[in-house]
C-alpha atoms as a PDB file:
ATOM      1  CA  MET A   1       4.219  -2.316   0.187  1.00  0.00           C
ATOM      2  CA  THR A   2       3.818  -5.949   1.119  1.00  0.00           C
ATOM      3  CA  GLU A   3       6.924  -7.493   2.617  1.00  0.00           C
ATOM      4  CA  PRO A   4       8.987  -9.429   0.067  1.00  0.00           C
ATOM      5  CA  THR A   5       8.303 -13.122   0.094  1.00  0.00           C
ATOM      6  CA  ASP A   6      10.310 -15.919  -1.435  1.00  0.00           C
ATOM      7  CA  VAL A   7       8.417 -17.857  -4.064  1.00  0.00           C
ATOM      8  CA  ILE A   8       9.142 -21.553  -4.182  1.00  0.00           C
ATOM      9  CA  PHE A   9       9.094 -23.158  -7.613  1.00  0.00           C
ATOM     10  CA  GLY A  10       9.311 -26.836  -8.476  1.00  0.00           C
ATOM     11  CA  TRP A  11       7.189 -29.937  -8.692  1.00  0.00           C
ATOM     12  CA  ALA A  12       6.649 -30.143  -4.914  1.00  0.00           C
ATOM     13  CA  ALA A  13       6.192 -26.401  -4.325  1.00  0.00           C
ATOM     14  CA  PRO A  14       3.056 -25.123  -2.602  1.00  0.00           C
ATOM     15  CA  LYS A  15       0.496 -23.498  -4.885  1.00  0.00           C
ATOM     16  CA  ILE A  16       1.275 -19.862  -5.704  1.00  0.00           C
ATOM     17  CA  ARG A  17      -2.147 -18.900  -4.309  1.00  0.00           C
ATOM     18  CA  ASP A  18      -1.095 -20.387  -0.945  1.00  0.00           C
ATOM     19  CA  GLN A  19       2.365 -18.819  -1.032  1.00  0.00           C
ATOM     20  CA  LEU A  20       1.142 -15.346  -1.994  1.00  0.00           C
ATOM     21  CA  PRO A  21      -2.356 -14.765  -0.619  1.00  0.00           C
ATOM     22  CA  GLN A  22      -2.090 -11.053  -1.434  1.00  0.00           C
ATOM     23  CA  LEU A  23      -2.502 -11.870  -5.147  1.00  0.00           C
ATOM     24  CA  CYS A  24      -6.019 -11.814  -6.524  1.00  0.00           C
ATOM     25  CA  PRO A  25      -7.207 -15.382  -7.263  1.00  0.00           C
ATOM     26  CA  PRO A  26      -7.305 -15.040 -11.078  1.00  0.00           C
ATOM     27  CA  ASP A  27      -3.709 -13.753 -11.135  1.00  0.00           C
ATOM     28  CA  ALA A  28      -2.543 -16.497  -8.785  1.00  0.00           C
ATOM     29  CA  ASP A  29      -4.219 -19.136 -10.962  1.00  0.00           C
ATOM     30  CA  THR A  30      -2.615 -17.719 -14.119  1.00  0.00           C
ATOM     31  CA  PHE A  31       0.830 -17.677 -12.509  1.00  0.00           C
ATOM     32  CA  GLN A  32       0.295 -21.242 -11.275  1.00  0.00           C
ATOM     33  CA  LYS A  33      -0.569 -22.365 -14.808  1.00  0.00           C
ATOM     34  CA  ASP A  34       2.560 -20.628 -16.137  1.00  0.00           C
ATOM     35  CA  HIS A  35       4.629 -22.384 -13.473  1.00  0.00           C
ATOM     36  CA  ASP A  36       3.112 -25.783 -14.257  1.00  0.00           C
ATOM     37  CA  ASP A  37       3.592 -25.300 -18.002  1.00  0.00           C
ATOM     38  CA  LEU A  38       7.266 -24.406 -17.550  1.00  0.00           C
ATOM     39  CA  LEU A  39       7.842 -27.519 -15.469  1.00  0.00           C
ATOM     40  CA  ARG A  40       6.080 -29.644 -18.066  1.00  0.00           C
ATOM     41  CA  LEU A  41       8.396 -28.289 -20.777  1.00  0.00           C
ATOM     42  CA  LYS A  42      11.424 -29.071 -18.616  1.00  0.00           C
ATOM     43  CA  VAL A  43      10.285 -32.612 -17.803  1.00  0.00           C
ATOM     44  CA  ARG A  44       9.694 -33.305 -21.495  1.00  0.00           C
ATOM     45  CA  GLU A  45      13.148 -31.876 -22.247  1.00  0.00           C
ATOM     46  CA  LEU A  46      11.712 -29.213 -24.559  1.00  0.00           C
ATOM     47  CA  ILE A  47      13.423 -26.358 -22.710  1.00  0.00           C
ATOM     48  CA  THR A  48      16.988 -26.155 -21.434  1.00  0.00           C
ATOM     49  CA  LYS A  49      17.921 -25.460 -17.833  1.00  0.00           C
ATOM     50  CA  SER A  50      19.151 -21.962 -18.707  1.00  0.00           C
ATOM     51  CA  GLU A  51      15.947 -21.181 -20.631  1.00  0.00           C
ATOM     52  CA  LEU A  52      13.910 -22.407 -17.667  1.00  0.00           C
ATOM     53  CA  GLU A  53      15.843 -20.175 -15.265  1.00  0.00           C
ATOM     54  CA  LYS A  54      15.303 -17.148 -17.518  1.00  0.00           C
ATOM     55  CA  ALA A  55      11.598 -17.946 -17.800  1.00  0.00           C
ATOM     56  CA  PHE A  56      11.257 -18.236 -14.015  1.00  0.00           C
ATOM     57  CA  ARG A  57      13.045 -14.885 -13.570  1.00  0.00           C
ATOM     58  CA  ARG A  58      10.534 -13.286 -15.952  1.00  0.00           C
ATOM     59  CA  LEU A  59       7.672 -14.980 -14.090  1.00  0.00           C
ATOM     60  CA  VAL A  60       8.965 -13.594 -10.783  1.00  0.00           C
ATOM     61  CA  LYS A  61       9.054 -10.086 -12.277  1.00  0.00           C
ATOM     62  CA  ARG A  62       5.435 -10.453 -13.371  1.00  0.00           C
ATOM     63  CA  ILE A  63       4.425 -11.747  -9.947  1.00  0.00           C
ATOM     64  CA  GLU A  64       6.196  -8.809  -8.287  1.00  0.00           C
ATOM     65  CA  ALA A  65       4.358  -6.393 -10.588  1.00  0.00           C
ATOM     66  CA  ALA A  66       1.019  -8.026  -9.727  1.00  0.00           C
ATOM     67  CA  ILE A  67       1.778  -7.729  -6.004  1.00  0.00           C
ATOM     68  CA  ARG A  68       2.693  -4.050  -6.414  1.00  0.00           C
ATOM     69  CA  TRP A  69      -0.532  -3.472  -8.353  1.00  0.00           C
ATOM     70  CA  ALA A  70      -2.566  -5.243  -5.653  1.00  0.00           C
ATOM     71  CA  ASP A  71      -0.869  -3.128  -2.990  1.00  0.00           C
ATOM     72  CA  ASP A  72      -1.653   0.042  -4.934  1.00  0.00           C
ATOM     73  CA  ILE A  73      -5.305  -0.926  -5.253  1.00  0.00           C
ATOM     74  CA  ARG A  74      -5.561  -1.723  -1.548  1.00  0.00           C
ATOM     75  CA  GLY A  75      -3.614   1.394  -0.597  1.00  0.00           C
ATOM     76  CA  THR A  76      -0.975  -0.537   1.330  1.00  0.00           C
ATOM     77  CA  LYS A  77       2.116   0.982  -0.258  1.00  0.00           C
END
């Protein structure tokens, strides 16, 4: 399995594609859009801090699942 990597979130964070090159480009782009949308909701005060934290935890779980899937496909368990 690919070594665990910290994912940096926030307005100044590097793109997810750059942080996690093991993700396939369409997945990385989808996760980046999710990230950007969550930040937009926070900036517009449409989501609370606790809701944002929960959403980011769910996003991390989905990213981890995508990395595991990519590892399985490549045979790098």
